Each structure stands twice: as structure tokens, then as C-alpha cells.
């Protein structure tokens, strides 16, 4: 008698989410308010294993407040590049406690990689892309291991490279959720006021977008809100996010675009 056919274990290598999934979610939640959307996504498990990623910058409190109101057990991921403002670290601790999150995760660069590729700690001054790669992008990749989706705080109004930002998109097979994609600056300010949220202590000093201390400068009146990031460099994102819209060409002769050391 012939032996029965062997059962083969098949590994499903398909991505957790496809563009079709993102399109369907964008259609389903069109016109739905942000808090209701988040509550539904969490309650129905539409994003699978999900976490919110926060820089704890000037606008971060709004997204974190919304996520906490929807489900405070959602993990909060913070990438500490070891070049952060002390004020940002204190603000992180304040918001986590104030909003009642129960799962806060901080990831840092690999010490061995830093010793090999940024021994002096000055790579930011001559190779900002390389610095971001080892201090932000690589730690973030580790933090996303095991996640099906993650929540971003990007807004379309922040930069010309973030225009046309959808609520749901797919990146490397993971669902990427942008709950505040269509929010305006006025919407954010109204939420801050209505919910009495604490502000980042550096915002009042003119820092409108805050990242690592060496690569963050004050924003001048009339400038793009993210103009203070990597000033003088042809760089608009750290590498965690990809531009949604084309990157404009900067005028190298404009004094505002000169490196600030």
C-alpha cells in the first residue's frame, strides 16, 4: 500500500497588510472622527499587533492622548538616540504618567555599532544620514519586530514632503496609521486647550519640531514647521519615514539654509 502523502509545513511569507487593505481602511473610515477610528481599529483588531511610535516632540501629546483614550494598553515606542534634549526625556516621562499608558518602551542604538561607526559622537556634523541610520533607523527596525502595524504622528501640514498623507498606508508589509494626517495646526491647538495637555518646554523658545539636540534649531517666522531640522543639509526626514511628496530643492545661497553648529 502506498504511503500517504507527507504533510508539508508551509510558512506564510505574505505581508501582513497590502495596499488593498490600506485602501479598504481609508474608504471605511473616510469622514470618521479620529478617536472613533482608533477605538474601532483597536477593538476590532484591524491592525493586529500595533504600537504607537512617538518622538515626544511639540505636537506629540495630541496623538498620545487620543491613543490613550482609545486604549492605554497600546505600547508606546520611543527611540532615544542618546542625543536627545533633556527636556524631551522629561516630557516623555510626564506624558506617559499623565496619560496612563501601561506599556512604555524605549529603544537605543546598539553600543557596538556606535563604538565602530560613531566613536567620537560627532557623525551628525558630517554625515547626518549615516548618523540617523545608526541612531534612529536601526533601533526602530528592532522595535518594530513582531508588530503588524504602527501608529505615526505625521501631519500633512508639517512639510511639503508630507502632503497627500493618507490615514492608512503600507510600508514593508506593515500597516502604518497616520491618525492626524488631515489635522491642521488649529485642530491640534484646540485639542491641547480642550484637554489641558502639557506643552513641550522648548516650544516656547521657538523649537517647533524637535529631534536630536545637535540637529535641531529654532524655526524663524514664516518658515516650514520642520525647517529647524538638519538646517543647511539636503535632508528632510530621519529615515524612519519616507517623503510622501517630492522633496523641494533648497537654495544653498539662502543664509537660512546654512549649517548651524
C-alpha atoms as a PDB file:
ATOM      1  CA  UNK A   1       0.000   0.000   0.000  1.00  0.00           C
ATOM      2  CA  UNK A   2       1.339   3.367  -0.947  1.00  0.00           C
ATOM      3  CA  UNK A   3       2.434   5.652   1.833  1.00  0.00           C
ATOM      4  CA  UNK A   4       0.187   8.645   2.422  1.00  0.00           C
ATOM      5  CA  UNK A   5       1.491  11.923   1.074  1.00  0.00           C
ATOM      6  CA  UNK A   6       3.528  13.825   3.625  1.00  0.00           C
ATOM      7  CA  UNK A   7       2.054  16.996   5.021  1.00  0.00           C
ATOM      8  CA  UNK A   8       4.383  19.892   4.420  1.00  0.00           C
ATOM      9  CA  UNK A   9       4.633  22.805   6.795  1.00  0.00           C
ATOM     10  CA  UNK A  10       4.120  25.914   4.730  1.00  0.00           C
ATOM     11  CA  UNK A  11       5.387  29.227   6.024  1.00  0.00           C
ATOM     12  CA  UNK A  12       3.113  32.085   5.043  1.00  0.00           C
ATOM     13  CA  UNK A  13       5.579  34.712   3.857  1.00  0.00           C
ATOM     14  CA  UNK A  14       2.922  37.075   2.639  1.00  0.00           C
ATOM     15  CA  UNK A  15       2.959  40.570   4.174  1.00  0.00           C
ATOM     16  CA  UNK A  16       0.516  41.149   6.998  1.00  0.00           C
ATOM     17  CA  UNK A  17      -1.020  44.015   5.026  1.00  0.00           C
ATOM     18  CA  UNK A  18      -1.216  45.014   1.379  1.00  0.00           C
ATOM     19  CA  UNK A  19      -2.065  48.277  -0.340  1.00  0.00           C
ATOM     20  CA  UNK A  20      -5.547  46.890  -0.951  1.00  0.00           C
ATOM     21  CA  UNK A  21      -6.000  46.572   2.817  1.00  0.00           C
ATOM     22  CA  UNK A  22      -4.914  50.178   3.312  1.00  0.00           C
ATOM     23  CA  UNK A  23      -7.263  51.360   0.574  1.00  0.00           C
ATOM     24  CA  UNK A  24     -10.164  49.500   2.187  1.00  0.00           C
ATOM     25  CA  UNK A  25      -9.441  51.023   5.597  1.00  0.00           C
ATOM     26  CA  UNK A  26      -9.132  54.515   4.126  1.00  0.00           C
ATOM     27  CA  UNK A  27     -12.521  54.054   2.477  1.00  0.00           C
ATOM     28  CA  UNK A  28     -14.141  52.610   5.603  1.00  0.00           C
ATOM     29  CA  UNK A  29     -13.005  55.432   7.877  1.00  0.00           C
ATOM     30  CA  UNK A  30     -13.433  58.330   5.484  1.00  0.00           C
ATOM     31  CA  UNK A  31     -15.203  61.090   7.400  1.00  0.00           C
ATOM     32  CA  UNK A  32     -14.995  59.224  10.724  1.00  0.00           C
ATOM     33  CA  UNK A  33     -13.529  61.228  13.599  1.00  0.00           C
ATOM     34  CA  UNK A  34     -10.070  60.236  14.756  1.00  0.00           C
ATOM     35  CA  UNK A  35     -10.932  58.956  18.222  1.00  0.00           C
ATOM     36  CA  UNK A  36     -13.761  56.768  16.921  1.00  0.00           C
ATOM     37  CA  UNK A  37     -11.455  55.432  14.231  1.00  0.00           C
ATOM     38  CA  UNK A  38      -8.777  54.481  16.756  1.00  0.00           C
ATOM     39  CA  UNK A  39     -11.258  52.874  19.132  1.00  0.00           C
ATOM     40  CA  UNK A  40     -12.688  50.803  16.294  1.00  0.00           C
ATOM     41  CA  UNK A  41      -9.277  49.762  14.967  1.00  0.00           C
ATOM     42  CA  UNK A  42      -8.202  48.594  18.425  1.00  0.00           C
ATOM     43  CA  UNK A  43     -11.500  46.995  19.449  1.00  0.00           C
ATOM     44  CA  UNK A  44     -11.877  45.034  16.211  1.00  0.00           C
ATOM     45  CA  UNK A  45      -8.195  44.139  15.941  1.00  0.00           C
ATOM     46  CA  UNK A  46      -7.999  45.676  12.490  1.00  0.00           C
ATOM     47  CA  UNK A  47      -4.295  46.449  12.853  1.00  0.00           C
ATOM     48  CA  UNK A  48      -3.178  43.234  14.531  1.00  0.00           C
ATOM     49  CA  UNK A  49      -0.245  43.754  16.883  1.00  0.00           C
ATOM     50  CA  UNK A  50       0.117  47.519  16.922  1.00  0.00           C
ATOM     51  CA  UNK A  51       2.132  50.165  18.770  1.00  0.00           C
ATOM     52  CA  UNK A  52       2.314  53.949  18.670  1.00  0.00           C
ATOM     53  CA  UNK A  53       5.701  55.495  17.916  1.00  0.00           C
ATOM     54  CA  UNK A  54       6.355  58.906  19.429  1.00  0.00           C
ATOM     55  CA  UNK A  55       9.214  61.400  19.328  1.00  0.00           C
ATOM     56  CA  UNK A  56       7.663  63.247  22.277  1.00  0.00           C
ATOM     57  CA  UNK A  57       8.008  66.452  20.305  1.00  0.00           C
ATOM     58  CA  UNK A  58       5.947  69.625  20.358  1.00  0.00           C
ATOM     59  CA  UNK A  59       2.768  68.054  18.947  1.00  0.00           C
ATOM     60  CA  UNK A  60       3.114  64.511  20.287  1.00  0.00           C
ATOM     61  CA  UNK A  61       0.765  64.947  23.232  1.00  0.00           C
ATOM     62  CA  UNK A  62      -2.308  65.106  20.983  1.00  0.00           C
ATOM     63  CA  UNK A  63      -1.764  61.734  19.303  1.00  0.00           C
ATOM     64  CA  UNK A  64      -0.760  60.112  22.586  1.00  0.00           C
ATOM     65  CA  UNK A  65      -3.864  61.481  24.290  1.00  0.00           C
ATOM     66  CA  UNK A  66      -6.076  60.079  21.534  1.00  0.00           C
ATOM     67  CA  UNK A  67      -4.419  56.659  21.685  1.00  0.00           C
ATOM     68  CA  UNK A  68      -4.626  56.586  25.492  1.00  0.00           C
ATOM     69  CA  UNK A  69      -8.318  57.454  25.385  1.00  0.00           C
ATOM     70  CA  UNK A  70      -8.886  54.652  22.868  1.00  0.00           C
ATOM     71  CA  UNK A  71      -6.741  52.027  24.642  1.00  0.00           C
ATOM     72  CA  UNK A  72      -3.995  52.878  27.184  1.00  0.00           C
ATOM     73  CA  UNK A  73      -2.562  49.355  26.899  1.00  0.00           C
ATOM     74  CA  UNK A  74      -1.268  50.054  23.380  1.00  0.00           C
ATOM     75  CA  UNK A  75       2.560  50.031  23.571  1.00  0.00           C
ATOM     76  CA  UNK A  76       4.346  53.371  23.224  1.00  0.00           C
ATOM     77  CA  UNK A  77       7.741  53.211  21.494  1.00  0.00           C
ATOM     78  CA  UNK A  78      10.355  55.947  21.876  1.00  0.00           C
ATOM     79  CA  UNK A  79      13.723  55.884  20.112  1.00  0.00           C
ATOM     80  CA  UNK A  80      16.316  57.501  22.368  1.00  0.00           C
ATOM     81  CA  UNK A  81      19.234  58.328  20.075  1.00  0.00           C
ATOM     82  CA  UNK A  82      21.357  59.318  23.087  1.00  0.00           C
ATOM     83  CA  UNK A  83      21.455  62.790  21.515  1.00  0.00           C
ATOM     84  CA  UNK A  84      18.062  63.946  22.747  1.00  0.00           C
ATOM     85  CA  UNK A  85      17.307  67.140  24.650  1.00  0.00           C
ATOM     86  CA  UNK A  86      16.994  66.529  28.385  1.00  0.00           C
ATOM     87  CA  UNK A  87      13.692  68.392  28.148  1.00  0.00           C
ATOM     88  CA  UNK A  88      12.385  65.755  25.718  1.00  0.00           C
ATOM     89  CA  UNK A  89      13.229  62.894  28.076  1.00  0.00           C
ATOM     90  CA  UNK A  90      11.482  64.657  30.950  1.00  0.00           C
ATOM     91  CA  UNK A  91       8.487  65.411  28.728  1.00  0.00           C
ATOM     92  CA  UNK A  92       8.279  61.731  27.767  1.00  0.00           C
ATOM     93  CA  UNK A  93       8.087  60.696  31.404  1.00  0.00           C
ATOM     94  CA  UNK A  94       5.495  63.373  32.152  1.00  0.00           C
ATOM     95  CA  UNK A  95       3.177  62.358  29.308  1.00  0.00           C
ATOM     96  CA  UNK A  96       3.419  58.614  29.915  1.00  0.00           C
ATOM     97  CA  UNK A  97       2.419  59.092  33.542  1.00  0.00           C
ATOM     98  CA  UNK A  98      -0.205  61.753  32.854  1.00  0.00           C
ATOM     99  CA  UNK A  99      -1.970  59.764  30.119  1.00  0.00           C
ATOM    100  CA  UNK A 100      -1.860  56.422  31.925  1.00  0.00           C
ATOM    101  CA  UNK A 101      -0.037  54.255  29.402  1.00  0.00           C
ATOM    102  CA  UNK A 102       0.841  50.833  30.779  1.00  0.00           C
ATOM    103  CA  UNK A 103       3.454  49.714  28.229  1.00  0.00           C
ATOM    104  CA  UNK A 104       6.231  52.217  27.528  1.00  0.00           C
ATOM    105  CA  UNK A 105       9.242  51.017  25.534  1.00  0.00           C
ATOM    106  CA  UNK A 106      12.483  52.926  24.936  1.00  0.00           C
ATOM    107  CA  UNK A 107      14.974  51.633  22.384  1.00  0.00           C
ATOM    108  CA  UNK A 108      18.541  52.888  21.961  1.00  0.00           C
ATOM    109  CA  UNK A 109      21.325  52.471  19.392  1.00  0.00           C
ATOM    110  CA  UNK A 110      23.478  49.361  19.504  1.00  0.00           C
ATOM    111  CA  UNK A 111      26.541  50.179  21.624  1.00  0.00           C
ATOM    112  CA  UNK A 112      28.857  48.096  19.449  1.00  0.00           C
ATOM    113  CA  UNK A 113      27.687  49.885  16.313  1.00  0.00           C
ATOM    114  CA  UNK A 114      28.208  53.280  17.935  1.00  0.00           C
ATOM    115  CA  UNK A 115      31.709  52.310  19.011  1.00  0.00           C
ATOM    116  CA  UNK A 116      32.536  51.283  15.450  1.00  0.00           C
ATOM    117  CA  UNK A 117      30.743  53.943  13.412  1.00  0.00           C
ATOM    118  CA  UNK A 118      30.422  56.964  15.708  1.00  0.00           C
ATOM    119  CA  UNK A 119      33.211  56.676  18.240  1.00  0.00           C
ATOM    120  CA  UNK A 120      33.516  60.451  18.681  1.00  0.00           C
ATOM    121  CA  UNK A 121      29.766  61.073  18.731  1.00  0.00           C
ATOM    122  CA  UNK A 122      30.173  63.702  16.007  1.00  0.00           C
ATOM    123  CA  UNK A 123      28.900  61.823  12.963  1.00  0.00           C
ATOM    124  CA  UNK A 124      25.867  64.111  12.905  1.00  0.00           C
ATOM    125  CA  UNK A 125      28.173  67.014  11.920  1.00  0.00           C
ATOM    126  CA  UNK A 126      29.450  65.495   8.667  1.00  0.00           C
ATOM    127  CA  UNK A 127      27.108  62.601   7.819  1.00  0.00           C
ATOM    128  CA  UNK A 128      23.615  63.224   9.206  1.00  0.00           C
ATOM    129  CA  UNK A 129      22.094  60.439   7.110  1.00  0.00           C
ATOM    130  CA  UNK A 130      24.583  57.929   8.483  1.00  0.00           C
ATOM    131  CA  UNK A 131      24.028  59.206  11.998  1.00  0.00           C
ATOM    132  CA  UNK A 132      20.262  58.818  11.682  1.00  0.00           C
ATOM    133  CA  UNK A 133      20.714  55.330  10.264  1.00  0.00           C
ATOM    134  CA  UNK A 134      22.601  54.016  13.293  1.00  0.00           C
ATOM    135  CA  UNK A 135      20.861  56.079  15.967  1.00  0.00           C
ATOM    136  CA  UNK A 136      17.241  56.068  14.758  1.00  0.00           C
ATOM    137  CA  UNK A 137      16.517  53.800  11.814  1.00  0.00           C
ATOM    138  CA  UNK A 138      18.240  50.640  13.049  1.00  0.00           C
ATOM    139  CA  UNK A 139      16.812  50.858  16.602  1.00  0.00           C
ATOM    140  CA  UNK A 140      13.383  51.499  15.110  1.00  0.00           C
ATOM    141  CA  UNK A 141      13.653  48.378  12.962  1.00  0.00           C
ATOM    142  CA  UNK A 142      14.318  46.353  16.095  1.00  0.00           C
ATOM    143  CA  UNK A 143      11.419  47.980  17.896  1.00  0.00           C
ATOM    144  CA  UNK A 144       9.021  47.034  15.082  1.00  0.00           C
ATOM    145  CA  UNK A 145       9.942  43.352  15.170  1.00  0.00           C
ATOM    146  CA  UNK A 146       6.783  41.384  15.887  1.00  0.00           C
ATOM    147  CA  UNK A 147       4.458  44.263  15.037  1.00  0.00           C
ATOM    148  CA  UNK A 148       1.840  44.108  12.301  1.00  0.00           C
ATOM    149  CA  UNK A 149       1.233  47.847  12.366  1.00  0.00           C
ATOM    150  CA  UNK A 150       2.418  51.079  13.905  1.00  0.00           C
ATOM    151  CA  UNK A 151       0.944  54.492  14.514  1.00  0.00           C
ATOM    152  CA  UNK A 152       2.713  57.653  13.391  1.00  0.00           C
ATOM    153  CA  UNK A 153       2.163  61.279  14.389  1.00  0.00           C
ATOM    154  CA  UNK A 154       2.829  62.765  10.948  1.00  0.00           C
ATOM    155  CA  UNK A 155       0.626  65.579   9.691  1.00  0.00           C
ATOM    156  CA  UNK A 156       0.289  66.808   6.103  1.00  0.00           C
ATOM    157  CA  UNK A 157       0.731  70.455   7.074  1.00  0.00           C
ATOM    158  CA  UNK A 158       4.153  69.899   8.662  1.00  0.00           C
ATOM    159  CA  UNK A 159       6.107  69.858   5.423  1.00  0.00           C
ATOM    160  CA  UNK A 160       5.684  69.867   1.661  1.00  0.00           C
ATOM    161  CA  UNK A 161       7.105  66.331   1.708  1.00  0.00           C
ATOM    162  CA  UNK A 162       4.166  65.176   3.824  1.00  0.00           C
ATOM    163  CA  UNK A 163       1.377  66.487   1.643  1.00  0.00           C
ATOM    164  CA  UNK A 164      -1.215  63.953   0.457  1.00  0.00           C
ATOM    165  CA  UNK A 165      -0.663  61.873   3.583  1.00  0.00           C
ATOM    166  CA  UNK A 166      -3.307  59.119   3.871  1.00  0.00           C
ATOM    167  CA  UNK A 167      -4.701  57.811   7.148  1.00  0.00           C
ATOM    168  CA  UNK A 168      -3.603  54.291   6.294  1.00  0.00           C
ATOM    169  CA  UNK A 169      -0.631  53.206   4.207  1.00  0.00           C
ATOM    170  CA  UNK A 170       1.540  50.107   3.900  1.00  0.00           C
ATOM    171  CA  UNK A 171       5.280  50.044   4.400  1.00  0.00           C
ATOM    172  CA  UNK A 172       7.322  46.845   4.175  1.00  0.00           C
ATOM    173  CA  UNK A 173       4.197  44.758   4.689  1.00  0.00           C
ATOM    174  CA  UNK A 174       3.192  46.600   7.853  1.00  0.00           C
ATOM    175  CA  UNK A 175       0.205  48.848   8.200  1.00  0.00           C
ATOM    176  CA  UNK A 176       1.189  52.421   9.006  1.00  0.00           C
ATOM    177  CA  UNK A 177      -1.535  54.525  10.566  1.00  0.00           C
ATOM    178  CA  UNK A 178      -1.482  58.326  10.423  1.00  0.00           C
ATOM    179  CA  UNK A 179      -4.449  59.377  12.602  1.00  0.00           C
ATOM    180  CA  UNK A 180      -3.540  63.073  12.418  1.00  0.00           C
ATOM    181  CA  UNK A 181      -2.715  63.150   8.727  1.00  0.00           C
ATOM    182  CA  UNK A 182      -5.516  65.572   7.878  1.00  0.00           C
ATOM    183  CA  UNK A 183      -5.402  67.612  11.090  1.00  0.00           C
ATOM    184  CA  UNK A 184      -4.498  71.287  10.891  1.00  0.00           C
ATOM    185  CA  UNK A 185      -2.392  73.272  13.321  1.00  0.00           C
ATOM    186  CA  UNK A 186      -5.615  74.833  14.596  1.00  0.00           C
ATOM    187  CA  UNK A 187      -7.076  71.375  15.242  1.00  0.00           C
ATOM    188  CA  UNK A 188      -4.040  70.467  17.336  1.00  0.00           C
ATOM    189  CA  UNK A 189      -4.153  73.698  19.313  1.00  0.00           C
ATOM    190  CA  UNK A 190      -7.851  73.201  20.016  1.00  0.00           C
ATOM    191  CA  UNK A 191      -7.209  69.670  21.335  1.00  0.00           C
ATOM    192  CA  UNK A 192      -4.341  70.871  23.520  1.00  0.00           C
ATOM    193  CA  UNK A 193      -6.620  73.505  25.044  1.00  0.00           C
ATOM    194  CA  UNK A 194      -9.719  71.339  25.413  1.00  0.00           C
ATOM    195  CA  UNK A 195      -7.821  68.570  27.187  1.00  0.00           C
ATOM    196  CA  UNK A 196      -5.332  70.741  29.087  1.00  0.00           C
ATOM    197  CA  UNK A 197      -2.338  68.878  27.717  1.00  0.00           C
ATOM    198  CA  UNK A 198       1.179  69.898  28.788  1.00  0.00           C
ATOM    199  CA  UNK A 199       3.416  71.509  26.168  1.00  0.00           C
ATOM    200  CA  UNK A 200       6.990  70.585  25.348  1.00  0.00           C
ATOM    201  CA  UNK A 201       9.120  73.020  27.378  1.00  0.00           C
ATOM    202  CA  UNK A 202      11.230  74.011  24.340  1.00  0.00           C
ATOM    203  CA  UNK A 203       8.293  75.028  22.160  1.00  0.00           C
ATOM    204  CA  UNK A 204       8.004  78.459  23.761  1.00  0.00           C
ATOM    205  CA  UNK A 205      11.634  79.094  22.802  1.00  0.00           C
ATOM    206  CA  UNK A 206      10.911  78.684  19.077  1.00  0.00           C
ATOM    207  CA  UNK A 207      11.575  74.981  18.577  1.00  0.00           C
ATOM    208  CA  UNK A 208       8.573  73.837  16.534  1.00  0.00           C
ATOM    209  CA  UNK A 209       9.919  70.423  15.514  1.00  0.00           C
ATOM    210  CA  UNK A 210      12.268  68.719  17.934  1.00  0.00           C
ATOM    211  CA  UNK A 211      14.640  65.857  17.281  1.00  0.00           C
ATOM    212  CA  UNK A 212      18.230  65.325  18.356  1.00  0.00           C
ATOM    213  CA  UNK A 213      19.802  68.316  20.075  1.00  0.00           C
ATOM    214  CA  UNK A 214      22.717  68.876  17.631  1.00  0.00           C
ATOM    215  CA  UNK A 215      20.454  68.818  14.560  1.00  0.00           C
ATOM    216  CA  UNK A 216      17.551  70.900  15.862  1.00  0.00           C
ATOM    217  CA  UNK A 217      17.356  74.684  15.615  1.00  0.00           C
ATOM    218  CA  UNK A 218      14.699  77.307  16.168  1.00  0.00           C
ATOM    219  CA  UNK A 219      12.197  77.976  13.388  1.00  0.00           C
ATOM    220  CA  UNK A 220      12.029  81.509  12.026  1.00  0.00           C
ATOM    221  CA  UNK A 221       8.707  83.322  11.416  1.00  0.00           C
ATOM    222  CA  UNK A 222       7.094  82.132   8.195  1.00  0.00           C
ATOM    223  CA  UNK A 223       9.276  79.044   7.844  1.00  0.00           C
ATOM    224  CA  UNK A 224       8.072  75.490   7.348  1.00  0.00           C
ATOM    225  CA  UNK A 225       7.444  73.968  10.826  1.00  0.00           C
ATOM    226  CA  UNK A 226      10.220  71.435  10.194  1.00  0.00           C
ATOM    227  CA  UNK A 227      12.719  73.962   8.823  1.00  0.00           C
ATOM    228  CA  UNK A 228      14.721  73.745  12.023  1.00  0.00           C
ATOM    229  CA  UNK A 229      15.628  70.108  11.439  1.00  0.00           C
ATOM    230  CA  UNK A 230      19.028  69.440   9.812  1.00  0.00           C
ATOM    231  CA  UNK A 231      19.287  73.077   8.802  1.00  0.00           C
ATOM    232  CA  UNK A 232      21.683  73.570   5.909  1.00  0.00           C
ATOM    233  CA  UNK A 233      21.527  69.948   4.785  1.00  0.00           C
ATOM    234  CA  UNK A 234      19.568  68.479   1.886  1.00  0.00           C
ATOM    235  CA  UNK A 235      17.638  66.359   4.357  1.00  0.00           C
ATOM    236  CA  UNK A 236      14.016  66.435   5.474  1.00  0.00           C
ATOM    237  CA  UNK A 237      13.424  63.063   7.150  1.00  0.00           C
ATOM    238  CA  UNK A 238      15.433  60.924   9.557  1.00  0.00           C
ATOM    239  CA  UNK A 239      14.828  57.744   7.580  1.00  0.00           C
ATOM    240  CA  UNK A 240      12.070  56.319   9.749  1.00  0.00           C
ATOM    241  CA  UNK A 241       9.585  57.990   7.401  1.00  0.00           C
ATOM    242  CA  UNK A 242       9.812  58.347   3.640  1.00  0.00           C
ATOM    243  CA  UNK A 243       8.647  61.550   1.925  1.00  0.00           C
ATOM    244  CA  UNK A 244       5.088  61.283   0.626  1.00  0.00           C
ATOM    245  CA  UNK A 245       5.547  64.198  -1.789  1.00  0.00           C
ATOM    246  CA  UNK A 246       8.627  65.231  -3.820  1.00  0.00           C
ATOM    247  CA  UNK A 247      11.472  66.893  -1.940  1.00  0.00           C
ATOM    248  CA  UNK A 248      11.907  70.543  -2.986  1.00  0.00           C
ATOM    249  CA  UNK A 249      15.367  71.775  -3.958  1.00  0.00           C
ATOM    250  CA  UNK A 250      16.835  74.102  -1.325  1.00  0.00           C
ATOM    251  CA  UNK A 251      18.672  77.295  -2.268  1.00  0.00           C
ATOM    252  CA  UNK A 252      22.246  76.807  -0.983  1.00  0.00           C
ATOM    253  CA  UNK A 253      22.828  80.590  -1.016  1.00  0.00           C
ATOM    254  CA  UNK A 254      19.961  81.281   1.371  1.00  0.00           C
ATOM    255  CA  UNK A 255      21.500  82.127   4.782  1.00  0.00           C
ATOM    256  CA  UNK A 256      18.667  80.213   6.447  1.00  0.00           C
ATOM    257  CA  UNK A 257      19.978  77.034   4.841  1.00  0.00           C
ATOM    258  CA  UNK A 258      23.489  77.275   6.222  1.00  0.00           C
ATOM    259  CA  UNK A 259      24.517  74.604   8.753  1.00  0.00           C
ATOM    260  CA  UNK A 260      24.129  75.637  12.378  1.00  0.00           C
ATOM    261  CA  UNK A 261      26.883  74.335  14.648  1.00  0.00           C
END
